[in-house]
Amino acid sequence: MALTSSIIALVGTGLSTVGAYSQAQTQKDVANYNAAIAAKNQELAEDQAAAQRREGYEAMTKKRQEVAGIIGSQRAAMGASGAQVDRGSFLDLELDTAEKGEIDALGLYQKGLDAAYNTELQGWNYGQQAAGYKAQAGNISPAWNAASTAIGGLSAIGSNFGESLWGGPSTRTGKSRKR
């Protein structure tokens, strides 16, 4: 009877050991997969930030061109009236238009830079997540998990087998099973 229960316990320990190894390997694979996804997200965020900077620059350039057209139209209208466009209130109007246009253009550029900065921060966060997942995967050892399970199971088998052979107290409960 003792031999049969020990064999059954040994088979159970073997199955538990295989299960522990498989579970740890799956956890390690999931951590590596998550690290790869986070690294890809970081790369995509960096690409998006570059596009946002470029869009901000293009919006600034477009606004400057728009303002240059407005100033040209103002000068043409003033010149058609026979006034000197480089003096007095006409010059003030032209300078005000240029100033407001430049403020708008720089605002558009800053908006693009701000969006890019926020996206870069998000990309940095993804990079930190990837590093964390890689560290987690590095700390998982399927072999150690399996060995730990096997040692615990074999210890229990040995204790139970010894108790059944010699009728002594169990090391776990301090009581004898035979009466």
Foldseek 3Di string as FASTA:
>chain_A
DLVVVLVVLLVVLVVVLVVLLVVLVVLLVVLLVLLVVLLVLLVVLLVVLVVLLVQLLVQLVVLQVVLVVVLVVLQVVCVVVVDDCCDDPNVVVNVVSNVVSNVVSVVSNVVSNVVSVVSNVSSVVSNVSSVVSNVVSVPRDSNVSSVVSNVVSVVVSVQSSVCVVPQAAGPVPRDGPPD
